[in-house]
Amino acid sequence: MDPNVFDDVLRTVRDFVRNEVVPAEDEIDETNAIPQRVRETAAEMGLFGFALPEEYGGLGLSMSEDVRLAMELGYTVPAFRSMFGTNNGIAGQVIVKYGTEKQKQAWLPRLAAGEAIASFALTEDGAGSDPSSVRTKAVRDGDEYVISGAKRFITNAPQADLLVVFARTDQEAEAHQGISVFLVETGLDGVRIGPPNAKMGQAGAHTAEVFFDDVRVPAEAIVGGQEGTGFAAAMSSLTRGRLHIAAICVGLAGRIVEESVRYAAEAEQGGKPISRFQLVQALLAESQAELYAGRSMVLEAAREYDSGADTRLAPSCAKLFCSEMVSRVADRAVQVHGGSGYMRGVPVERFYRDSRVFRIYEGTSEIQKLIIAKQLLRQIS
């Protein structure tokens, strides 16, 4: 995108987030839903398709542009970004990178416009961080596949129109092989969406179980028109998603630091602001230093991703550091706020709960460490 145009996009999104979404945070927390007015405006701004190709109605942002936008989106409750995150990220990118032209034409324009919501249906009981353990199966039956199994913790499933479903098509193949990916509409017979999960945080972002009871889909529903590409599609999509999540963590950490500094300057103990206390200053300084490090890491990792120099090691490094970093920043913020930081209705209390899941989804911190170590060892093998 033209740099001047992109700068305009950033300013517009920044103003919208701070002037419209932030004032709605309490409403989102209380109702466990994103207001329709916010959703409609986000769709009009193109946020449901910022990472999808321009030829299909998206904005076609590069990874470097994606992370800069994500830092603005991360400034508010994570549920806002989650509303359109799967369209742009882990679900939409599977179609972009692996779908047939017919599949792209059928779904990408609708996803980009916010007319349809896609969910990434990979995680199962016993198959989360290790996709090779997927047990949902798809059996060929003439011109159709019959899908049976269950998924859990599927983001946006209660609102989804399309499920990007990973299922095993070859029961005899090795663990990382024999997995395929299907485009399954939620209205098909046999598709059941469970009730939204009751979560620790991120009110307004819904996850649920999804059940496939002998769901029949046409053979053309298999992504890319061939079996066996599921594991590669999942890994490719998750890699980009991890860098995006790292940028969201940076944006949220920036907001938390702002809340902490403001509170420290206004709250008093002994007749003077607590910002005068050096131990409070130390908490603020540590958070700002880590925020700066995370932002720098994400921007450099995105640059290397776009150039093709590193599309695996750097995203995992960024996701590991930034997801852990935002939790530390949130913890310090509660400490700066003291008893007030433990009370519901205070932003840092909410962000403390919201930030915890970043260390789990789209690859746990432990999985990122394994990926990083394996990449390092391959360099000397």
Protein backbone atom coordinates (compact mmCIF):
# COMPACT_ATOMS: atom_id res chain seq x y z
CA MET A 1 0.00 0.00 0.00
CA ASP A 2 1.15 3.55 -0.72
CA PRO A 3 2.85 4.82 2.48
CA ASN A 4 0.75 7.98 2.57
CA VAL A 5 -2.47 6.01 2.17
CA PHE A 6 -1.40 3.59 4.87
CA ASP A 7 -0.59 6.44 7.24
CA ASP A 8 -4.13 7.72 6.66
CA VAL A 9 -5.49 4.25 7.45
CA LEU A 10 -3.50 4.14 10.69
CA ARG A 11 -4.75 7.56 11.76
CA THR A 12 -8.34 6.63 10.99
CA VAL A 13 -8.12 3.36 12.91
CA ARG A 14 -6.34 5.04 15.83
CA ASP A 15 -9.07 7.68 16.10
CA PHE A 16 -11.83 5.08 15.84
CA VAL A 17 -10.30 2.83 18.49
CA ARG A 18 -9.68 5.62 20.97
CA ASN A 19 -12.85 7.62 20.38
CA GLU A 20 -15.40 4.87 19.76
CA VAL A 21 -14.14 1.49 21.00
CA VAL A 22 -12.39 2.50 24.21
CA PRO A 23 -15.52 4.31 25.53
CA ALA A 24 -17.48 1.09 24.82
CA GLU A 25 -15.15 -1.18 26.82
CA ASP A 26 -17.38 -1.35 29.88
CA GLU A 27 -20.39 -2.09 27.67
CA ILE A 28 -18.49 -4.89 25.95
CA ASP A 29 -17.44 -6.34 29.31
CA GLU A 30 -20.97 -6.20 30.71
CA THR A 31 -22.81 -7.54 27.65
CA ASN A 32 -20.12 -9.99 26.47
CA ALA A 33 -20.64 -8.66 22.97
CA ILE A 34 -19.25 -6.11 20.52
CA PRO A 35 -21.89 -3.43 19.86
CA GLN A 36 -23.43 -3.63 16.41
CA ARG A 37 -22.48 0.00 15.71
CA VAL A 38 -18.82 -0.85 16.29
CA ARG A 39 -19.02 -3.92 14.08
CA GLU A 40 -20.64 -2.01 11.23
CA THR A 41 -18.08 0.78 11.35
CA ALA A 42 -15.22 -1.72 11.44
CA ALA A 43 -16.62 -3.40 8.33
CA GLU A 44 -16.98 -0.06 6.54
CA MET A 45 -13.35 0.71 7.33
CA GLY A 46 -12.18 -2.55 5.75
CA LEU A 47 -10.96 -4.12 8.98
CA PHE A 48 -12.52 -7.50 8.18
CA GLY A 49 -10.15 -7.82 5.24
CA PHE A 50 -7.04 -5.77 5.94
CA ALA A 51 -4.72 -8.76 5.38
CA LEU A 52 -6.67 -10.25 2.44
CA PRO A 53 -5.59 -9.52 -1.15
CA GLU A 54 -6.88 -6.37 -2.83
CA GLU A 55 -8.22 -8.32 -5.81
CA TYR A 56 -10.72 -9.97 -3.47
CA GLY A 57 -11.79 -6.78 -1.72
CA GLY A 58 -9.18 -6.64 1.03
CA LEU A 59 -6.54 -4.03 1.79
CA GLY A 60 -3.66 -6.38 1.01
CA LEU A 61 -1.41 -5.20 3.82
CA SER A 62 2.13 -6.51 4.04
CA MET A 63 3.30 -8.08 7.29
CA SER A 64 5.09 -4.85 8.22
CA GLU A 65 1.86 -2.92 7.71
CA ASP A 66 -0.17 -5.62 9.43
CA VAL A 67 1.80 -5.38 12.68
CA ARG A 68 1.67 -1.59 12.76
CA LEU A 69 -2.10 -1.75 12.37
CA ALA A 70 -2.28 -4.52 14.99
CA MET A 71 -0.54 -2.29 17.52
CA GLU A 72 -3.37 0.21 17.10
CA LEU A 73 -6.02 -2.51 17.35
CA GLY A 74 -4.35 -3.90 20.48
CA TYR A 75 -4.85 -0.62 22.35
CA THR A 76 -8.35 -1.65 23.39
CA VAL A 77 -10.07 -4.84 24.56
CA PRO A 78 -8.77 -7.88 22.60
CA ALA A 79 -12.33 -8.87 21.70
CA PHE A 80 -12.46 -6.00 19.22
CA ARG A 81 -9.60 -7.39 17.17
CA SER A 82 -10.86 -10.93 17.64
CA MET A 83 -14.11 -9.99 15.90
CA PHE A 84 -12.37 -9.86 12.53
CA GLY A 85 -9.06 -11.53 13.40
CA THR A 86 -9.84 -14.97 12.01
CA ASN A 87 -11.09 -13.53 8.71
CA ASN A 88 -7.74 -11.85 8.16
CA GLY A 89 -5.56 -14.38 9.91
CA ILE A 90 -5.52 -18.07 10.57
CA ALA A 91 -8.75 -18.89 8.71
CA GLY A 92 -8.59 -16.42 5.84
CA GLN A 93 -4.91 -17.04 5.12
CA VAL A 94 -5.53 -20.75 4.55
CA ILE A 95 -7.84 -19.82 1.68
CA VAL A 96 -5.45 -17.14 0.38
CA LYS A 97 -2.41 -19.42 0.30
CA TYR A 98 -3.92 -22.83 -0.40
CA GLY A 99 -7.40 -22.36 -1.84
CA THR A 100 -8.41 -22.88 -5.43
CA GLU A 101 -9.41 -19.83 -7.43
CA LYS A 102 -13.04 -20.89 -7.17
CA GLN A 103 -12.74 -21.12 -3.38
CA LYS A 104 -11.10 -17.72 -3.21
CA GLN A 105 -13.78 -16.12 -5.34
CA ALA A 106 -16.53 -17.73 -3.29
CA TRP A 107 -15.31 -16.67 0.13
CA LEU A 108 -12.62 -13.99 0.24
CA PRO A 109 -14.81 -11.08 -0.94
CA ARG A 110 -17.44 -11.98 1.65
CA LEU A 111 -14.85 -12.28 4.41
CA ALA A 112 -13.23 -8.97 3.44
CA ALA A 113 -16.57 -7.17 3.51
CA GLY A 114 -17.54 -8.61 6.88
CA GLU A 115 -20.52 -10.33 5.27
CA ALA A 116 -19.25 -13.71 6.51
CA ILE A 117 -17.21 -14.85 9.48
CA ALA A 118 -14.70 -17.69 9.22
CA SER A 119 -13.37 -19.83 12.05
CA PHE A 120 -10.18 -21.87 12.18
CA ALA A 121 -11.29 -25.31 13.37
CA LEU A 122 -8.06 -27.08 14.29
CA THR A 123 -7.88 -27.57 18.07
CA GLU A 124 -9.31 -30.75 19.56
CA ASP A 125 -9.26 -32.51 22.90
CA GLY A 126 -5.74 -33.92 22.83
CA ALA A 127 -4.67 -31.98 19.73
CA GLY A 128 -3.93 -28.35 20.51
CA SER A 129 -0.33 -27.26 20.24
CA ASP A 130 0.44 -30.40 18.20
CA PRO A 131 -1.83 -30.41 15.11
CA SER A 132 -0.43 -33.74 14.00
CA SER A 133 -2.62 -35.38 16.66
CA VAL A 134 -5.88 -34.39 14.93
CA ARG A 135 -8.45 -37.18 15.19
CA THR A 136 -11.39 -35.65 13.33
CA LYS A 137 -11.66 -37.68 10.15
CA ALA A 138 -12.96 -37.16 6.65
CA VAL A 139 -13.79 -40.24 4.60
CA ARG A 140 -14.25 -40.09 0.83
CA ASP A 141 -17.64 -41.36 -0.31
CA GLY A 142 -18.05 -40.93 -4.05
CA ASP A 143 -18.18 -37.22 -4.85
CA GLU A 144 -18.37 -36.30 -1.18
CA TYR A 145 -16.44 -36.45 2.05
CA VAL A 146 -18.07 -37.45 5.34
CA ILE A 147 -16.58 -35.54 8.28
CA SER A 148 -16.92 -36.75 11.86
CA GLY A 149 -15.30 -35.53 15.05
CA ALA A 150 -15.22 -32.55 17.38
CA LYS A 151 -13.24 -29.34 17.86
CA ARG A 152 -12.85 -27.16 20.94
CA PHE A 153 -11.98 -23.56 21.84
CA ILE A 154 -12.86 -22.42 18.32
CA THR A 155 -12.78 -18.63 18.13
CA ASN A 156 -15.86 -16.97 16.62
CA ALA A 157 -17.60 -20.33 16.16
CA PRO A 158 -20.93 -19.02 17.55
CA GLN A 159 -20.96 -16.34 14.82
CA ALA A 160 -19.25 -18.31 12.06
CA ASP A 161 -20.65 -18.85 8.58
CA LEU A 162 -17.62 -20.86 7.46
CA LEU A 163 -15.44 -23.34 9.29
CA VAL A 164 -11.93 -24.06 8.01
CA VAL A 165 -11.79 -27.65 9.26
CA PHE A 166 -8.71 -29.82 9.64
CA ALA A 167 -9.40 -33.53 9.40
CA ARG A 168 -7.45 -36.70 8.82
CA THR A 169 -8.08 -38.21 5.38
CA ASP A 170 -5.41 -40.90 5.55
CA GLN A 171 -5.51 -42.96 8.72
CA GLU A 172 -2.38 -44.91 7.76
CA ALA A 173 -0.11 -41.96 7.05
CA GLU A 174 2.50 -40.65 9.46
CA ALA A 175 1.38 -38.12 12.09
CA HIS A 176 2.31 -34.98 10.12
CA GLN A 177 0.84 -36.36 6.92
CA GLY A 178 -2.62 -37.43 5.93
CA ILE A 179 -4.30 -34.26 7.25
CA SER A 180 -6.47 -32.24 4.89
CA VAL A 181 -8.42 -29.03 5.29
CA PHE A 182 -12.03 -28.41 4.28
CA LEU A 183 -14.33 -25.43 3.88
CA VAL A 184 -17.49 -26.33 5.79
CA GLU A 185 -20.51 -24.07 6.01
CA THR A 186 -22.07 -23.97 9.47
CA GLY A 187 -25.58 -24.47 8.07
CA LEU A 188 -24.89 -27.99 6.83
CA ASP A 189 -26.69 -30.93 8.38
CA GLY A 190 -24.64 -32.47 11.17
CA VAL A 191 -22.74 -29.32 12.12
CA ARG A 192 -23.44 -28.36 15.73
CA ILE A 193 -22.02 -25.35 17.53
CA GLY A 194 -21.92 -25.59 21.31
CA PRO A 195 -22.71 -22.71 23.67
CA PRO A 196 -20.04 -20.02 24.12
CA ASN A 197 -17.37 -20.99 26.63
CA ALA A 198 -17.25 -19.16 29.96
CA LYS A 199 -13.73 -17.72 29.96
CA MET A 200 -11.41 -15.99 32.41
CA GLY A 201 -11.20 -12.88 30.25
CA GLN A 202 -11.69 -11.39 26.80
CA ALA A 203 -15.41 -10.76 27.17
CA GLY A 204 -17.01 -10.20 23.79
CA ALA A 205 -14.70 -12.71 22.08
CA HIS A 206 -16.53 -16.00 21.82
CA THR A 207 -15.18 -19.53 21.58
CA ALA A 208 -17.13 -22.77 21.50
CA GLU A 209 -17.00 -26.47 20.76
CA VAL A 210 -17.93 -27.60 17.25
CA PHE A 211 -19.28 -31.06 16.48
CA PHE A 212 -19.36 -32.83 13.12
CA ASP A 213 -21.87 -35.67 13.05
CA ASP A 214 -21.28 -37.34 9.67
CA VAL A 215 -21.29 -34.02 7.85
CA ARG A 216 -21.34 -34.42 4.11
CA VAL A 217 -19.44 -31.91 1.99
CA PRO A 218 -18.74 -32.01 -1.75
CA ALA A 219 -15.28 -33.11 -2.83
CA GLU A 220 -14.62 -29.57 -4.07
CA ALA A 221 -14.78 -28.38 -0.45
CA ILE A 222 -11.27 -29.71 0.16
CA VAL A 223 -8.92 -26.73 0.17
CA GLY A 224 -6.66 -26.64 -2.85
CA GLY A 225 -8.46 -29.57 -4.42
CA GLN A 226 -6.13 -32.18 -2.97
CA GLU A 227 -5.59 -34.20 0.18
CA GLY A 228 -2.63 -33.99 2.51
CA THR A 229 -1.98 -30.24 2.63
CA GLY A 230 -3.60 -29.64 6.01
CA PHE A 231 -0.53 -29.67 8.23
CA ALA A 232 1.43 -27.31 5.97
CA ALA A 233 -1.57 -24.99 5.70
CA ALA A 234 -1.99 -24.90 9.47
CA MET A 235 1.67 -24.19 10.13
CA SER A 236 1.90 -21.47 7.48
CA SER A 237 -1.22 -19.71 8.71
CA LEU A 238 -0.20 -19.95 12.36
CA THR A 239 3.25 -18.50 11.68
CA ARG A 240 1.82 -15.28 10.30
CA GLY A 241 -0.81 -15.27 13.04
CA ARG A 242 1.84 -15.50 15.75
CA LEU A 243 3.55 -12.35 14.55
CA HIS A 244 0.20 -10.57 14.40
CA ILE A 245 -0.59 -11.66 17.97
CA ALA A 246 2.82 -10.40 19.11
CA ALA A 247 1.91 -6.98 17.71
CA ILE A 248 -1.48 -7.07 19.47
CA CYS A 249 0.40 -7.74 22.72
CA VAL A 250 2.59 -4.70 22.07
CA GLY A 251 -0.48 -2.52 21.51
CA LEU A 252 -2.14 -3.76 24.68
CA ALA A 253 1.05 -3.31 26.70
CA GLY A 254 1.22 0.28 25.49
CA ARG A 255 -2.30 0.93 26.74
CA ILE A 256 -1.52 -0.69 30.10
CA VAL A 257 1.60 1.44 30.55
CA GLU A 258 -0.46 4.56 29.81
CA GLU A 259 -3.03 3.55 32.41
CA SER A 260 -0.28 2.92 34.95
CA VAL A 261 1.51 6.22 34.37
CA ARG A 262 -1.74 8.17 34.57
CA TYR A 263 -2.77 6.48 37.80
CA ALA A 264 0.67 6.96 39.37
CA ALA A 265 0.55 10.67 38.56
CA GLU A 266 -2.93 11.13 40.05
CA ALA A 267 -3.14 8.76 43.03
CA GLU A 268 -1.77 10.04 46.32
CA GLN A 269 -0.28 8.50 49.45
CA GLY A 270 0.77 10.66 52.34
CA GLY A 271 -0.30 13.79 50.53
CA LYS A 272 1.88 13.29 47.46
CA PRO A 273 1.45 11.41 44.17
CA ILE A 274 2.74 7.85 44.21
CA SER A 275 4.75 8.68 41.10
CA ARG A 276 7.22 10.32 43.50
CA PHE A 277 8.05 6.91 45.00
CA GLN A 278 11.08 5.34 43.39
CA LEU A 279 9.79 1.77 43.64
CA VAL A 280 6.68 2.81 41.69
CA GLN A 281 8.94 4.50 39.15
CA ALA A 282 10.88 1.24 38.85
CA LEU A 283 7.71 -0.68 37.96
CA LEU A 284 6.87 1.86 35.27
CA ALA A 285 10.41 1.85 33.90
CA GLU A 286 10.58 -1.94 33.64
CA SER A 287 7.30 -2.05 31.74
CA GLN A 288 8.31 0.71 29.35
CA ALA A 289 11.66 -0.96 28.62
CA GLU A 290 9.97 -4.27 27.84
CA LEU A 291 7.36 -2.52 25.72
CA TYR A 292 10.09 -0.86 23.70
CA ALA A 293 11.90 -4.15 23.24
CA GLY A 294 8.73 -5.90 22.12
CA ARG A 295 7.83 -3.21 19.62
CA SER A 296 11.32 -3.23 18.14
CA MET A 297 11.31 -7.03 17.90
CA VAL A 298 7.94 -7.16 16.13
CA LEU A 299 8.85 -4.51 13.58
CA GLU A 300 12.14 -6.23 12.73
CA ALA A 301 10.51 -9.67 12.57
CA ALA A 302 7.84 -8.31 10.20
CA ARG A 303 10.52 -6.80 7.96
CA GLU A 304 12.30 -10.14 7.75
CA TYR A 305 9.00 -11.94 7.12
CA ASP A 306 8.21 -9.68 4.17
CA SER A 307 11.68 -10.11 2.68
CA GLY A 308 11.53 -13.89 3.12
CA ALA A 309 14.69 -13.86 5.22
CA ASP A 310 12.94 -15.42 8.21
CA THR A 311 9.36 -16.65 8.22
CA ARG A 312 9.61 -19.06 11.14
CA LEU A 313 12.23 -18.31 13.81
CA ALA A 314 11.55 -14.58 14.25
CA PRO A 315 7.73 -14.92 14.48
CA SER A 316 8.11 -17.51 17.23
CA CYS A 317 10.65 -15.34 19.07
CA ALA A 318 8.30 -12.36 18.85
CA LYS A 319 5.24 -14.32 19.93
CA LEU A 320 7.09 -15.86 22.88
CA PHE A 321 8.58 -12.61 24.15
CA CYS A 322 5.60 -10.33 23.57
CA SER A 323 2.95 -12.65 24.98
CA GLU A 324 5.02 -13.14 28.12
CA MET A 325 5.89 -9.44 28.21
CA VAL A 326 2.31 -8.17 28.18
CA SER A 327 1.46 -10.41 31.13
CA ARG A 328 4.36 -8.97 33.11
CA VAL A 329 3.32 -5.44 32.19
CA ALA A 330 -0.27 -6.17 33.27
CA ASP A 331 0.94 -7.66 36.56
CA ARG A 332 3.03 -4.57 37.33
CA ALA A 333 0.07 -2.36 36.45
CA VAL A 334 -2.10 -4.06 39.05
CA GLN A 335 0.71 -3.56 41.56
CA VAL A 336 0.97 0.15 40.71
CA HIS A 337 -2.79 0.51 41.20
CA GLY A 338 -2.64 -1.35 44.51
CA GLY A 339 -6.04 -2.42 45.84
CA SER A 340 -7.79 -0.47 43.09
CA GLY A 341 -6.09 -2.65 40.48
CA TYR A 342 -7.83 -5.72 41.89
CA MET A 343 -11.31 -4.24 41.49
CA ARG A 344 -13.65 -5.06 38.62
CA GLY A 345 -14.33 -2.08 36.38
CA VAL A 346 -10.74 -0.86 36.46
CA PRO A 347 -9.10 -1.29 33.02
CA VAL A 348 -5.88 -2.88 34.29
CA GLU A 349 -7.82 -5.57 36.17
CA ARG A 350 -9.59 -6.49 32.96
CA PHE A 351 -6.38 -6.39 30.93
CA TYR A 352 -4.66 -8.60 33.51
CA ARG A 353 -7.22 -11.31 32.76
CA ASP A 354 -7.39 -10.58 29.04
CA SER A 355 -3.65 -10.85 28.50
CA ARG A 356 -3.21 -14.31 30.03
CA VAL A 357 -4.48 -16.26 27.04
CA PHE A 358 -1.89 -14.79 24.66
CA ARG A 359 0.64 -17.20 26.15
CA ILE A 360 -1.61 -20.12 25.19
CA TYR A 361 -3.39 -19.73 21.87
CA GLU A 362 -1.83 -19.93 18.42
CA GLY A 363 0.98 -21.94 19.98
CA THR A 364 1.83 -21.94 23.68
CA SER A 365 5.03 -20.36 25.00
CA GLU A 366 6.42 -23.86 25.45
CA ILE A 367 5.79 -24.70 21.81
CA GLN A 368 7.46 -21.47 20.71
CA LYS A 369 10.55 -22.45 22.70
CA LEU A 370 10.66 -25.82 20.93
CA ILE A 371 10.30 -24.18 17.52
CA ILE A 372 13.05 -21.68 18.30
CA ALA A 373 15.43 -24.35 19.56
CA LYS A 374 14.82 -26.64 16.57
CA GLN A 375 15.44 -23.79 14.14
CA LEU A 376 18.70 -22.92 15.88
CA LEU A 377 19.89 -26.53 15.85
CA ARG A 378 19.05 -26.93 12.17
CA GLN A 379 21.46 -24.11 11.38
CA ILE A 380 24.41 -26.22 12.51
CA SER A 381 23.24 -29.64 11.31
